[in-house]
Amino acid sequence: MGNKVQIIAEIGVNHNGNIDLAYEMIDKASNAGVDFVKFQTSIPSLVTSMYAPKAEYQL
């Protein structure tokens, strides 16, 4: 076979919109041997009610 398994770390939105935290998570994933990291961003107002409580990073 000879094919190496590629490991993807799903960071998602756990960076809370903080670029420094995102870079820190990338470094930690790299140190753990991860090959790729995957992020998500979202626009909460497009998928939630305006009356839904928001997390601190969404304010």
PDB file of N, CA and C in Angstrom:
ATOM      1  N   MET A   1       0.829  -1.191   0.000  1.00  0.00           N
ATOM      2  CA  MET A   1       0.000   0.000   0.000  1.00  0.00           C
ATOM      3  C   MET A   1       0.875   1.258   0.000  1.00  0.00           C
ATOM      4  N   GLY A   2       1.565   1.528   1.118  1.00  0.00           N
ATOM      5  CA  GLY A   2       2.479   2.649   1.154  1.00  0.00           C
ATOM      6  C   GLY A   2       1.858   4.024   1.326  1.00  0.00           C
ATOM      7  N   ASN A   3       0.554   4.110   1.467  1.00  0.00           N
ATOM      8  CA  ASN A   3      -0.088   5.419   1.630  1.00  0.00           C
ATOM      9  C   ASN A   3      -0.183   5.771   3.106  1.00  0.00           C
ATOM     10  N   LYS A   4       0.223   6.993   3.438  1.00  0.00           N
ATOM     11  CA  LYS A   4       0.160   7.471   4.816  1.00  0.00           C
ATOM     12  C   LYS A   4      -1.237   8.011   5.105  1.00  0.00           C
ATOM     13  N   VAL A   5      -1.750   7.679   6.269  1.00  0.00           N
ATOM     14  CA  VAL A   5      -3.024   8.238   6.707  1.00  0.00           C
ATOM     15  C   VAL A   5      -2.813   9.714   7.021  1.00  0.00           C
ATOM     16  N   GLN A   6      -3.692  10.562   6.532  1.00  0.00           N
ATOM     17  CA  GLN A   6      -3.640  11.996   6.812  1.00  0.00           C
ATOM     18  C   GLN A   6      -4.621  12.301   7.943  1.00  0.00           C
ATOM     19  N   ILE A   7      -4.173  13.032   8.948  1.00  0.00           N
ATOM     20  CA  ILE A   7      -5.010  13.358  10.101  1.00  0.00           C
ATOM     21  C   ILE A   7      -5.443  14.814  10.005  1.00  0.00           C
ATOM     22  N   ILE A   8      -6.759  15.034  10.124  1.00  0.00           N
ATOM     23  CA  ILE A   8      -7.341  16.375  10.067  1.00  0.00           C
ATOM     24  C   ILE A   8      -7.905  16.707  11.441  1.00  0.00           C
ATOM     25  N   ALA A   9      -7.468  17.823  12.019  1.00  0.00           N
ATOM     26  CA  ALA A   9      -8.011  18.297  13.293  1.00  0.00           C
ATOM     27  C   ALA A   9      -9.171  19.235  12.994  1.00  0.00           C
ATOM     28  N   GLU A  10     -10.329  18.936  13.538  1.00  0.00           N
ATOM     29  CA  GLU A  10     -11.521  19.778  13.371  1.00  0.00           C
ATOM     30  C   GLU A  10     -11.545  20.782  14.510  1.00  0.00           C
ATOM     31  N   ILE A  11     -11.134  22.003  14.235  1.00  0.00           N
ATOM     32  CA  ILE A  11     -11.164  23.059  15.247  1.00  0.00           C
ATOM     33  C   ILE A  11     -12.526  23.736  15.251  1.00  0.00           C
ATOM     34  N   GLY A  12     -13.174  23.744  14.108  1.00  0.00           N
ATOM     35  CA  GLY A  12     -14.528  24.299  14.029  1.00  0.00           C
ATOM     36  C   GLY A  12     -14.549  25.774  14.371  1.00  0.00           C
ATOM     37  N   VAL A  13     -15.444  26.148  15.272  1.00  0.00           N
ATOM     38  CA  VAL A  13     -15.558  27.546  15.697  1.00  0.00           C
ATOM     39  C   VAL A  13     -14.986  27.740  17.101  1.00  0.00           C
ATOM     40  N   ASN A  14     -14.218  26.759  17.581  1.00  0.00           N
ATOM     41  CA  ASN A  14     -13.687  26.829  18.940  1.00  0.00           C
ATOM     42  C   ASN A  14     -12.642  27.920  19.133  1.00  0.00           C
ATOM     43  N   HIS A  15     -12.259  28.603  18.073  1.00  0.00           N
ATOM     44  CA  HIS A  15     -11.342  29.741  18.182  1.00  0.00           C
ATOM     45  C   HIS A  15     -12.075  30.982  18.672  1.00  0.00           C
ATOM     46  N   ASN A  16     -13.415  30.917  18.709  1.00  0.00           N
ATOM     47  CA  ASN A  16     -14.247  32.025  19.208  1.00  0.00           C
ATOM     48  C   ASN A  16     -13.975  33.345  18.493  1.00  0.00           C
ATOM     49  N   GLY A  17     -13.540  33.269  17.253  1.00  0.00           N
ATOM     50  CA  GLY A  17     -13.276  34.478  16.489  1.00  0.00           C
ATOM     51  C   GLY A  17     -11.956  35.146  16.834  1.00  0.00           C
ATOM     52  N   ASN A  18     -11.132  34.489  17.640  1.00  0.00           N
ATOM     53  CA  ASN A  18      -9.867  35.051  18.111  1.00  0.00           C
ATOM     54  C   ASN A  18      -8.725  34.464  17.282  1.00  0.00           C
ATOM     55  N   ILE A  19      -8.101  35.279  16.450  1.00  0.00           N
ATOM     56  CA  ILE A  19      -7.055  34.794  15.549  1.00  0.00           C
ATOM     57  C   ILE A  19      -5.845  34.261  16.311  1.00  0.00           C
ATOM     58  N   ASP A  20      -5.498  34.885  17.441  1.00  0.00           N
ATOM     59  CA  ASP A  20      -4.361  34.398  18.233  1.00  0.00           C
ATOM     60  C   ASP A  20      -4.641  33.006  18.792  1.00  0.00           C
ATOM     61  N   LEU A  21      -5.868  32.785  19.252  1.00  0.00           N
ATOM     62  CA  LEU A  21      -6.256  31.463  19.739  1.00  0.00           C
ATOM     63  C   LEU A  21      -6.231  30.450  18.600  1.00  0.00           C
ATOM     64  N   ALA A  22      -6.670  30.855  17.424  1.00  0.00           N
ATOM     65  CA  ALA A  22      -6.643  29.962  16.258  1.00  0.00           C
ATOM     66  C   ALA A  22      -5.208  29.538  15.944  1.00  0.00           C
ATOM     67  N   TYR A  23      -4.274  30.485  15.949  1.00  0.00           N
ATOM     68  CA  TYR A  23      -2.868  30.150  15.696  1.00  0.00           C
ATOM     69  C   TYR A  23      -2.317  29.216  16.775  1.00  0.00           C
ATOM     70  N   GLU A  24      -2.696  29.465  18.015  1.00  0.00           N
ATOM     71  CA  GLU A  24      -2.250  28.591  19.104  1.00  0.00           C
ATOM     72  C   GLU A  24      -2.776  27.163  18.896  1.00  0.00           C
ATOM     73  N   MET A  25      -4.029  27.053  18.474  1.00  0.00           N
ATOM     74  CA  MET A  25      -4.607  25.725  18.227  1.00  0.00           C
ATOM     75  C   MET A  25      -3.910  25.027  17.062  1.00  0.00           C
ATOM     76  N   ILE A  26      -3.543  25.793  16.043  1.00  0.00           N
ATOM     77  CA  ILE A  26      -2.797  25.217  14.914  1.00  0.00           C
ATOM     78  C   ILE A  26      -1.457  24.675  15.403  1.00  0.00           C
ATOM     79  N   ASP A  27      -0.745  25.462  16.217  1.00  0.00           N
ATOM     80  CA  ASP A  27       0.552  25.019  16.744  1.00  0.00           C
ATOM     81  C   ASP A  27       0.411  23.743  17.566  1.00  0.00           C
ATOM     82  N   LYS A  28      -0.605  23.689  18.418  1.00  0.00           N
ATOM     83  CA  LYS A  28      -0.800  22.507  19.261  1.00  0.00           C
ATOM     84  C   LYS A  28      -1.163  21.289  18.424  1.00  0.00           C
ATOM     85  N   ALA A  29      -1.987  21.492  17.405  1.00  0.00           N
ATOM     86  CA  ALA A  29      -2.346  20.384  16.519  1.00  0.00           C
ATOM     87  C   ALA A  29      -1.114  19.887  15.768  1.00  0.00           C
ATOM     88  N   SER A  30      -0.303  20.814  15.292  1.00  0.00           N
ATOM     89  CA  SER A  30       0.923  20.446  14.582  1.00  0.00           C
ATOM     90  C   SER A  30       1.863  19.657  15.485  1.00  0.00           C
ATOM     91  N   ASN A  31       2.017  20.115  16.721  1.00  0.00           N
ATOM     92  CA  ASN A  31       2.878  19.415  17.681  1.00  0.00           C
ATOM     93  C   ASN A  31       2.360  18.014  17.991  1.00  0.00           C
ATOM     94  N   ALA A  32       1.058  17.807  17.838  1.00  0.00           N
ATOM     95  CA  ALA A  32       0.453  16.496  18.084  1.00  0.00           C
ATOM     96  C   ALA A  32       0.537  15.590  16.860  1.00  0.00           C
ATOM     97  N   GLY A  33       1.091  16.102  15.763  1.00  0.00           N
ATOM     98  CA  GLY A  33       1.264  15.286  14.571  1.00  0.00           C
ATOM     99  C   GLY A  33       0.154  15.386  13.547  1.00  0.00           C
ATOM    100  N   VAL A  34      -0.717  16.362  13.705  1.00  0.00           N
ATOM    101  CA  VAL A  34      -1.822  16.558  12.765  1.00  0.00           C
ATOM    102  C   VAL A  34      -1.276  17.090  11.438  1.00  0.00           C
ATOM    103  N   ASP A  35      -1.864  16.636  10.339  1.00  0.00           N
ATOM    104  CA  ASP A  35      -1.431  17.074   9.009  1.00  0.00           C
ATOM    105  C   ASP A  35      -2.171  18.318   8.531  1.00  0.00           C
ATOM    106  N   PHE A  36      -3.438  18.432   8.901  1.00  0.00           N
ATOM    107  CA  PHE A  36      -4.284  19.550   8.466  1.00  0.00           C
ATOM    108  C   PHE A  36      -5.175  19.977   9.624  1.00  0.00           C
ATOM    109  N   VAL A  37      -5.565  21.241   9.625  1.00  0.00           N
ATOM    110  CA  VAL A  37      -6.601  21.701  10.548  1.00  0.00           C
ATOM    111  C   VAL A  37      -7.740  22.283   9.733  1.00  0.00           C
ATOM    112  N   LYS A  38      -8.938  22.154  10.273  1.00  0.00           N
ATOM    113  CA  LYS A  38     -10.132  22.633   9.584  1.00  0.00           C
ATOM    114  C   LYS A  38     -10.869  23.585  10.517  1.00  0.00           C
ATOM    115  N   PHE A  39     -11.198  24.752   9.996  1.00  0.00           N
ATOM    116  CA  PHE A  39     -11.934  25.752  10.758  1.00  0.00           C
ATOM    117  C   PHE A  39     -13.307  25.966  10.151  1.00  0.00           C
ATOM    118  N   GLN A  40     -14.168  26.586  10.917  1.00  0.00           N
ATOM    119  CA  GLN A  40     -15.459  27.025  10.419  1.00  0.00           C
ATOM    120  C   GLN A  40     -15.671  28.459  10.896  1.00  0.00           C
ATOM    121  N   THR A  41     -16.392  29.196  10.122  1.00  0.00           N
ATOM    122  CA  THR A  41     -16.870  30.503  10.559  1.00  0.00           C
ATOM    123  C   THR A  41     -18.368  30.506  10.343  1.00  0.00           C
ATOM    124  N   SER A  42     -19.031  31.386  11.019  1.00  0.00           N
ATOM    125  CA  SER A  42     -20.477  31.456  10.840  1.00  0.00           C
ATOM    126  C   SER A  42     -20.948  32.879  11.061  1.00  0.00           C
ATOM    127  N   ILE A  43     -22.114  33.142  10.543  1.00  0.00           N
ATOM    128  CA  ILE A  43     -22.795  34.409  10.786  1.00  0.00           C
ATOM    129  C   ILE A  43     -24.077  34.039  11.527  1.00  0.00           C
ATOM    130  N   PRO A  44     -24.026  34.077  12.867  1.00  0.00           N
ATOM    131  CA  PRO A  44     -25.140  33.580  13.670  1.00  0.00           C
ATOM    132  C   PRO A  44     -26.487  34.200  13.323  1.00  0.00           C
ATOM    133  N   SER A  45     -26.492  35.457  12.954  1.00  0.00           N
ATOM    134  CA  SER A  45     -27.767  36.119  12.660  1.00  0.00           C
ATOM    135  C   SER A  45     -28.485  35.498  11.469  1.00  0.00           C
ATOM    136  N   LEU A  46     -27.749  34.762  10.631  1.00  0.00           N
ATOM    137  CA  LEU A  46     -28.372  34.117   9.478  1.00  0.00           C
ATOM    138  C   LEU A  46     -29.001  32.773   9.826  1.00  0.00           C
ATOM    139  N   VAL A  47     -28.644  32.205  10.970  1.00  0.00           N
ATOM    140  CA  VAL A  47     -29.132  30.863  11.298  1.00  0.00           C
ATOM    141  C   VAL A  47     -29.843  30.766  12.644  1.00  0.00           C
ATOM    142  N   THR A  48     -29.966  31.880  13.357  1.00  0.00           N
ATOM    143  CA  THR A  48     -30.641  31.846  14.651  1.00  0.00           C
ATOM    144  C   THR A  48     -31.648  32.981  14.755  1.00  0.00           C
ATOM    145  N   SER A  49     -32.522  32.834  15.707  1.00  0.00           N
ATOM    146  CA  SER A  49     -33.494  33.884  16.000  1.00  0.00           C
ATOM    147  C   SER A  49     -32.772  35.074  16.624  1.00  0.00           C
ATOM    148  N   MET A  50     -33.248  36.265  16.345  1.00  0.00           N
ATOM    149  CA  MET A  50     -32.643  37.452  16.956  1.00  0.00           C
ATOM    150  C   MET A  50     -32.827  37.459  18.471  1.00  0.00           C
ATOM    151  N   TYR A  51     -33.716  36.609  18.973  1.00  0.00           N
ATOM    152  CA  TYR A  51     -33.981  36.543  20.411  1.00  0.00           C
ATOM    153  C   TYR A  51     -33.168  35.456  21.112  1.00  0.00           C
ATOM    154  N   ALA A  52     -32.436  34.658  20.354  1.00  0.00           N
ATOM    155  CA  ALA A  52     -31.624  33.595  20.948  1.00  0.00           C
ATOM    156  C   ALA A  52     -30.444  34.209  21.697  1.00  0.00           C
ATOM    157  N   PRO A  53     -30.112  33.666  22.870  1.00  0.00           N
ATOM    158  CA  PRO A  53     -28.948  34.194  23.593  1.00  0.00           C
ATOM    159  C   PRO A  53     -27.667  33.966  22.788  1.00  0.00           C
ATOM    160  N   LYS A  54     -26.739  34.887  22.906  1.00  0.00           N
ATOM    161  CA  LYS A  54     -25.494  34.819  22.146  1.00  0.00           C
ATOM    162  C   LYS A  54     -24.319  34.530  23.075  1.00  0.00           C
ATOM    163  N   ALA A  55     -23.331  33.834  22.533  1.00  0.00           N
ATOM    164  CA  ALA A  55     -22.074  33.628  23.253  1.00  0.00           C
ATOM    165  C   ALA A  55     -21.311  34.948  23.269  1.00  0.00           C
ATOM    166  N   GLU A  56     -20.396  35.083  24.202  1.00  0.00           N
ATOM    167  CA  GLU A  56     -19.648  36.338  24.355  1.00  0.00           C
ATOM    168  C   GLU A  56     -18.962  36.765  23.061  1.00  0.00           C
ATOM    169  N   TYR A  57     -18.372  35.804  22.319  1.00  0.00           N
ATOM    170  CA  TYR A  57     -17.658  36.162  21.093  1.00  0.00           C
ATOM    171  C   TYR A  57     -18.591  36.585  19.967  1.00  0.00           C
ATOM    172  N   GLN A  58     -19.900  36.363  20.118  1.00  0.00           N
ATOM    173  CA  GLN A  58     -20.856  36.744  19.085  1.00  0.00           C
ATOM    174  C   GLN A  58     -21.398  38.155  19.295  1.00  0.00           C
ATOM    175  N   LEU A  59     -21.104  38.750  20.422  1.00  0.00           N
ATOM    176  CA  LEU A  59     -21.643  40.083  20.730  1.00  0.00           C
ATOM    177  C   LEU A  59     -20.883  41.171  20.014  1.00  0.00           C
TER     178      LEU A  59
END
